[in-house]
Amino acid sequence: MLDLKFDYGDCVARSEQVEWTLDDVMEEGQPLDFTRPFLPAALVGHLADVPGLDDATRLHLNQIAGNAYLNLFQFVEEYILATMLEHAQAELFGNPQAMRALTRMVDEELKHQELFKRFRRSFDRDFGHPCGVLESAAEVAHVIMSHSPIAVMIITLHIEWMTQQHYTESVRRDDTIDPFFKSLLRHHWLEESQHARIDMLELDKLACMASEEMRDKAVEEYLGILDAFDDLLGEQVELDLASLAAARGVALEPATKKAVEKALHQCYRHTFIWYGMTNRNVVESLEKISPKGAAAVAARAERFA
């Protein structure tokens, strides 16, 4: 249905070419540089519009958001791991190349989770103040996986193509951010590029077995998952504001706090929701499996623009 120009064997071969180890990217306990921003301007641009913030506060906000950014990936990869284990099990007596691709993906996602946990441990040690992040990954994974397999695969496709776009359009081109943070995201991108293709192969498989009604319903579920995720992003914003107050030693003035809260939530929405909804590969996939659903997604994307 998706008319893909690659297969599972291609994904395995590319994965073997770009493979890296945890210590290649970040040794346990590695110190972090807090003199430079972590996230590129393209991902936190709305914060630039908030008046009354000094340079030190803007830098703290960027670094707090960078820590949350990595944790959010570690957070969602909890359900991706469980999902891909299920898909690999379904191939136990099926396509051996699919089995290899899926099991490599599971191993790589576990590695990514550990990488982000290493970063968080260093961040918590070196930043000077604890910074709150979302912790309910297992509960959220259970909720996501209660949806139809096609809906779960669509949100997975959204996340992994979104990751690609962040790096290629924003991170790679920004020379102002911390080089180590950029390297970490580059290594994540190298392996996620294969995961996004595996997602498309798995989505194609599921879509071919589903009725038009089932595919349309799956897109509705996908939109519902995004709405729920937006609520979680709002929770992360509140945690970030508390972290900023601890770092500054004093809370922001009420009007400034409200402006930062609004801007930061919009940054997260743009980064984690809008990017995925408008990604060319996601849009084209949805147009093929559910034209009705693709139109609904395009209309909803305006809300997160």
Protein backbone atom coordinates (compact mmCIF):
# COMPACT_ATOMS: atom_id res chain seq x y z
CA MET A 1 0.00 0.00 0.00
CA LEU A 2 2.86 2.41 0.80
CA ASP A 3 4.93 1.36 -2.26
CA LEU A 4 8.22 1.36 -0.34
CA LYS A 5 11.60 1.19 -2.10
CA PHE A 6 13.44 -0.62 0.72
CA ASP A 7 13.02 -3.81 2.72
CA TYR A 8 14.02 -5.29 6.07
CA GLY A 9 17.35 -6.46 4.72
CA ASP A 10 18.24 -2.91 3.72
CA CYS A 11 17.46 -1.73 7.26
CA VAL A 12 19.66 -4.43 8.81
CA ALA A 13 22.58 -3.62 6.49
CA ARG A 14 22.42 0.10 7.23
CA SER A 15 22.07 -0.55 10.95
CA GLU A 16 25.27 -2.60 10.91
CA GLN A 17 27.10 0.22 9.10
CA VAL A 18 26.25 2.94 11.63
CA GLU A 19 26.33 0.87 14.84
CA TRP A 20 27.88 2.50 17.92
CA THR A 21 28.35 1.64 21.59
CA LEU A 22 27.30 3.63 24.63
CA ASP A 23 30.87 4.45 25.60
CA ASP A 24 31.55 5.66 22.05
CA VAL A 25 29.03 8.44 22.67
CA MET A 26 29.01 9.06 26.42
CA GLU A 27 30.99 7.45 29.18
CA GLU A 28 29.26 6.99 32.52
CA GLY A 29 29.77 10.08 34.66
CA GLN A 30 30.96 12.28 31.81
CA PRO A 31 30.86 15.98 32.83
CA LEU A 32 28.61 18.38 30.90
CA ASP A 33 29.33 21.90 29.67
CA PHE A 34 26.74 24.38 30.92
CA THR A 35 28.26 27.43 29.24
CA ARG A 36 26.37 26.79 25.98
CA PRO A 37 22.76 25.99 25.02
CA PHE A 38 21.75 22.41 24.34
CA LEU A 39 18.78 22.89 22.01
CA PRO A 40 18.93 24.79 18.70
CA ALA A 41 16.99 27.99 18.29
CA ALA A 42 14.61 26.31 15.84
CA LEU A 43 13.25 24.08 18.64
CA VAL A 44 12.96 26.77 21.33
CA GLY A 45 12.27 29.82 19.21
CA HIS A 46 9.12 30.86 21.06
CA LEU A 47 11.18 31.54 24.19
CA ALA A 48 13.02 34.31 22.33
CA ASP A 49 9.75 36.25 22.19
CA VAL A 50 9.36 36.39 25.98
CA PRO A 51 10.38 39.86 27.23
CA GLY A 52 12.20 40.54 30.45
CA LEU A 53 14.43 37.46 30.59
CA ASP A 54 18.15 37.95 31.05
CA ASP A 55 20.71 35.86 29.17
CA ALA A 56 21.44 33.60 32.15
CA THR A 57 17.75 32.75 32.57
CA ARG A 58 17.34 32.03 28.86
CA LEU A 59 20.36 29.72 28.99
CA HIS A 60 19.00 27.91 32.04
CA LEU A 61 15.64 27.47 30.30
CA ASN A 62 17.33 26.06 27.20
CA GLN A 63 19.33 23.56 29.24
CA ILE A 64 16.35 22.52 31.36
CA ALA A 65 14.34 22.01 28.17
CA GLY A 66 17.24 20.04 26.66
CA ASN A 67 17.23 17.68 29.62
CA ALA A 68 13.46 17.28 29.31
CA TYR A 69 13.77 16.77 25.53
CA LEU A 70 16.01 13.72 25.99
CA ASN A 71 13.86 12.37 28.79
CA LEU A 72 10.75 12.64 26.63
CA PHE A 73 12.42 10.40 24.05
CA GLN A 74 13.44 7.95 26.75
CA PHE A 75 9.85 8.22 28.03
CA VAL A 76 8.14 7.30 24.76
CA GLU A 77 10.68 4.63 23.84
CA GLU A 78 9.22 2.56 26.70
CA TYR A 79 6.13 1.72 24.65
CA ILE A 80 8.11 1.47 21.39
CA LEU A 81 10.24 -1.26 22.96
CA ALA A 82 7.19 -3.24 24.02
CA THR A 83 5.51 -2.76 20.64
CA MET A 84 8.49 -3.89 18.61
CA LEU A 85 9.00 -6.91 20.85
CA GLU A 86 5.44 -7.92 19.99
CA HIS A 87 6.09 -7.40 16.28
CA ALA A 88 9.33 -9.41 16.48
CA GLN A 89 7.52 -12.26 18.23
CA ALA A 90 4.96 -12.31 15.41
CA GLU A 91 7.85 -12.97 12.98
CA LEU A 92 9.28 -15.86 15.02
CA PHE A 93 8.37 -18.36 12.30
CA GLY A 94 7.96 -15.82 9.53
CA ASN A 95 10.34 -13.49 7.72
CA PRO A 96 13.87 -13.94 9.17
CA GLN A 97 15.06 -10.58 7.82
CA ALA A 98 12.11 -8.86 9.49
CA MET A 99 12.98 -10.67 12.71
CA ARG A 100 16.59 -9.46 12.49
CA ALA A 101 15.54 -5.87 11.77
CA LEU A 102 13.03 -5.79 14.62
CA THR A 103 15.30 -7.37 17.21
CA ARG A 104 18.14 -4.99 16.27
CA MET A 105 15.70 -2.13 16.66
CA VAL A 106 14.73 -3.33 20.13
CA ASP A 107 18.38 -3.58 21.16
CA GLU A 108 19.11 -0.10 19.80
CA GLU A 109 16.12 1.43 21.58
CA LEU A 110 17.32 -0.09 24.85
CA LYS A 111 20.73 1.46 24.18
CA HIS A 112 19.15 4.85 23.50
CA GLN A 113 17.24 4.68 26.76
CA GLU A 114 20.43 3.97 28.69
CA LEU A 115 22.22 6.80 26.87
CA PHE A 116 19.56 9.30 27.89
CA LYS A 117 19.61 8.00 31.47
CA ARG A 118 23.39 8.53 31.56
CA PHE A 119 22.90 12.08 30.37
CA ARG A 120 20.25 12.72 32.99
CA ARG A 121 22.50 11.42 35.78
CA SER A 122 25.29 13.77 34.67
CA PHE A 123 22.82 16.63 34.27
CA ASP A 124 21.37 16.13 37.77
CA ARG A 125 24.89 16.06 39.22
CA ASP A 126 26.34 19.06 37.35
CA PHE A 127 23.44 21.48 36.85
CA GLY A 128 23.35 22.38 40.52
CA HIS A 129 19.65 21.79 41.13
CA PRO A 130 17.37 18.79 40.52
CA CYS A 131 15.14 19.19 37.48
CA GLY A 132 11.82 17.38 37.33
CA VAL A 133 10.91 15.22 34.34
CA LEU A 134 7.98 12.97 33.50
CA GLU A 135 8.32 9.61 35.25
CA SER A 136 5.16 7.64 34.32
CA ALA A 137 6.56 5.92 31.21
CA ALA A 138 5.17 2.45 31.97
CA GLU A 139 1.66 3.76 32.63
CA VAL A 140 1.67 5.83 29.44
CA ALA A 141 3.02 2.86 27.47
CA HIS A 142 0.09 0.78 28.68
CA VAL A 143 -2.40 3.46 27.58
CA ILE A 144 -0.84 3.85 24.12
CA MET A 145 -0.70 0.11 23.53
CA SER A 146 -4.38 -0.23 24.41
CA HIS A 147 -5.13 1.36 21.03
CA SER A 148 -5.30 -0.49 17.72
CA PRO A 149 -1.99 -1.77 16.29
CA ILE A 150 -2.28 0.61 13.32
CA ALA A 151 -2.79 3.63 15.59
CA VAL A 152 0.22 2.58 17.67
CA MET A 153 2.33 2.26 14.55
CA ILE A 154 1.22 5.66 13.23
CA ILE A 155 2.26 7.44 16.44
CA THR A 156 5.55 5.51 16.35
CA LEU A 157 6.13 6.62 12.76
CA HIS A 158 5.33 10.18 13.85
CA ILE A 159 7.91 10.10 16.65
CA GLU A 160 10.74 8.56 14.67
CA TRP A 161 10.39 10.69 11.53
CA MET A 162 10.02 13.72 13.79
CA THR A 163 13.38 12.81 15.36
CA GLN A 164 14.98 12.71 11.93
CA GLN A 165 13.63 16.13 11.03
CA HIS A 166 14.82 17.69 14.28
CA TYR A 167 18.38 16.66 13.56
CA THR A 168 18.58 17.31 9.81
CA GLU A 169 16.77 20.66 9.83
CA SER A 170 17.75 22.12 13.21
CA VAL A 171 20.47 20.42 15.22
CA ARG A 172 22.95 19.71 12.42
CA ARG A 173 22.88 23.30 11.18
CA ASP A 174 23.24 25.08 14.53
CA ASP A 175 26.87 25.75 15.53
CA THR A 176 25.94 27.65 18.69
CA ILE A 177 24.82 24.60 20.70
CA ASP A 178 27.03 22.40 22.86
CA PRO A 179 29.08 20.09 20.56
CA PHE A 180 28.65 17.12 22.89
CA PHE A 181 24.86 17.49 22.93
CA LYS A 182 24.91 17.74 19.14
CA SER A 183 27.03 14.58 18.92
CA LEU A 184 24.62 12.72 21.19
CA LEU A 185 21.67 13.67 18.97
CA ARG A 186 23.63 12.78 15.84
CA HIS A 187 24.26 9.24 17.06
CA HIS A 188 20.61 8.90 18.03
CA TRP A 189 19.62 10.08 14.54
CA LEU A 190 21.94 7.55 12.83
CA GLU A 191 20.05 4.59 14.25
CA GLU A 192 16.59 6.14 14.35
CA SER A 193 16.77 6.64 10.59
CA GLN A 194 16.53 2.85 10.23
CA HIS A 195 13.80 2.61 12.85
CA ALA A 196 11.63 5.03 10.88
CA ARG A 197 11.92 2.79 7.83
CA ILE A 198 11.10 -0.32 9.84
CA ASP A 199 8.01 1.53 11.13
CA MET A 200 6.90 2.13 7.55
CA LEU A 201 7.37 -1.53 6.67
CA GLU A 202 5.34 -2.58 9.72
CA LEU A 203 2.63 0.02 9.04
CA ASP A 204 2.37 -1.16 5.44
CA LYS A 205 1.94 -4.74 6.64
CA LEU A 206 -0.84 -3.78 9.06
CA ALA A 207 -2.61 -1.43 6.65
CA CYS A 208 -2.77 -4.09 3.94
CA MET A 209 -4.64 -6.39 6.31
CA ALA A 210 -7.12 -3.73 7.53
CA SER A 211 -10.36 -2.41 6.10
CA GLU A 212 -10.79 1.23 5.13
CA GLU A 213 -12.97 1.73 8.21
CA MET A 214 -10.27 0.29 10.47
CA ARG A 215 -7.62 2.54 8.93
CA ASP A 216 -9.80 5.65 9.31
CA LYS A 217 -10.52 4.74 12.93
CA ALA A 218 -6.80 4.26 13.60
CA VAL A 219 -6.06 7.81 12.49
CA GLU A 220 -8.76 9.09 14.86
CA GLU A 221 -7.06 7.17 17.66
CA TYR A 222 -3.70 8.65 16.67
CA LEU A 223 -5.14 12.15 17.04
CA GLY A 224 -6.50 11.20 20.45
CA ILE A 225 -3.05 10.00 21.52
CA LEU A 226 -1.59 13.36 20.43
CA ASP A 227 -4.16 15.26 22.51
CA ALA A 228 -3.25 13.17 25.55
CA PHE A 229 0.46 13.73 24.87
CA ASP A 230 -0.16 17.48 24.72
CA ASP A 231 -1.47 17.26 28.29
CA LEU A 232 1.76 15.53 29.32
CA LEU A 233 3.76 18.31 27.69
CA GLY A 234 1.83 20.77 29.84
CA GLU A 235 2.89 18.78 32.90
CA GLN A 236 6.51 18.97 31.77
CA VAL A 237 6.23 22.73 31.42
CA GLU A 238 5.17 23.00 35.08
CA LEU A 239 8.14 20.87 36.10
CA ASP A 240 10.45 23.07 34.02
CA LEU A 241 9.18 26.24 35.67
CA ALA A 242 9.82 24.76 39.12
CA SER A 243 13.32 23.76 37.99
CA LEU A 244 13.99 27.27 36.71
CA ALA A 245 12.87 28.82 40.00
CA ALA A 246 15.26 26.51 41.87
CA ALA A 247 18.12 27.38 39.52
CA ARG A 248 17.53 31.13 39.85
CA GLY A 249 16.85 31.01 43.58
CA VAL A 250 13.71 33.06 43.08
CA ALA A 251 10.46 32.60 41.17
CA LEU A 252 9.67 34.62 38.07
CA GLU A 253 7.28 37.53 38.31
CA PRO A 254 3.69 36.28 37.71
CA ALA A 255 3.32 37.96 34.30
CA THR A 256 6.71 36.72 33.13
CA LYS A 257 6.02 33.22 34.45
CA LYS A 258 2.75 33.11 32.51
CA ALA A 259 4.50 34.24 29.33
CA VAL A 260 7.26 31.65 29.77
CA GLU A 261 4.71 28.93 30.47
CA LYS A 262 2.81 29.72 27.28
CA ALA A 263 5.96 30.00 25.15
CA LEU A 264 7.53 26.82 26.52
CA HIS A 265 4.37 24.78 25.97
CA GLN A 266 4.24 26.06 22.40
CA CYS A 267 7.90 25.07 21.92
CA TYR A 268 7.13 21.53 23.07
CA ARG A 269 3.99 21.35 20.93
CA HIS A 270 5.86 22.54 17.87
CA THR A 271 8.76 20.15 18.53
CA PHE A 272 6.94 16.97 19.50
CA ILE A 273 3.54 17.29 17.82
CA TRP A 274 3.60 19.68 14.87
CA TYR A 275 6.87 18.36 13.42
CA GLY A 276 5.51 14.80 13.30
CA MET A 277 2.06 15.71 12.00
CA THR A 278 3.53 17.68 9.10
CA ASN A 279 6.53 15.47 8.30
CA ARG A 280 6.46 14.61 4.60
CA ASN A 281 6.88 10.86 5.15
CA VAL A 282 4.11 10.75 7.75
CA VAL A 283 1.77 12.86 5.62
CA GLU A 284 2.33 10.74 2.51
CA SER A 285 1.84 7.50 4.46
CA LEU A 286 -1.44 8.76 5.92
CA GLU A 287 -2.68 9.91 2.52
CA LYS A 288 -2.19 6.39 1.20
CA ILE A 289 -3.74 4.45 4.06
CA SER A 290 -6.53 6.90 4.96
CA PRO A 291 -7.18 9.98 2.79
CA LYS A 292 -9.99 10.98 5.15
CA GLY A 293 -7.70 10.67 8.15
CA ALA A 294 -4.88 12.56 6.43
CA ALA A 295 -7.21 15.51 5.86
CA ALA A 296 -8.22 15.47 9.53
CA VAL A 297 -4.58 15.43 10.61
CA ALA A 298 -3.71 18.34 8.31
CA ALA A 299 -6.56 20.38 9.76
CA ARG A 300 -5.59 19.55 13.35
CA ALA A 301 -1.92 20.40 12.72
CA GLU A 302 -2.87 24.07 12.48
CA ARG A 303 -3.67 23.96 16.19
CA PHE A 304 -0.07 23.11 16.98
CA ALA A 305 1.60 25.34 14.39
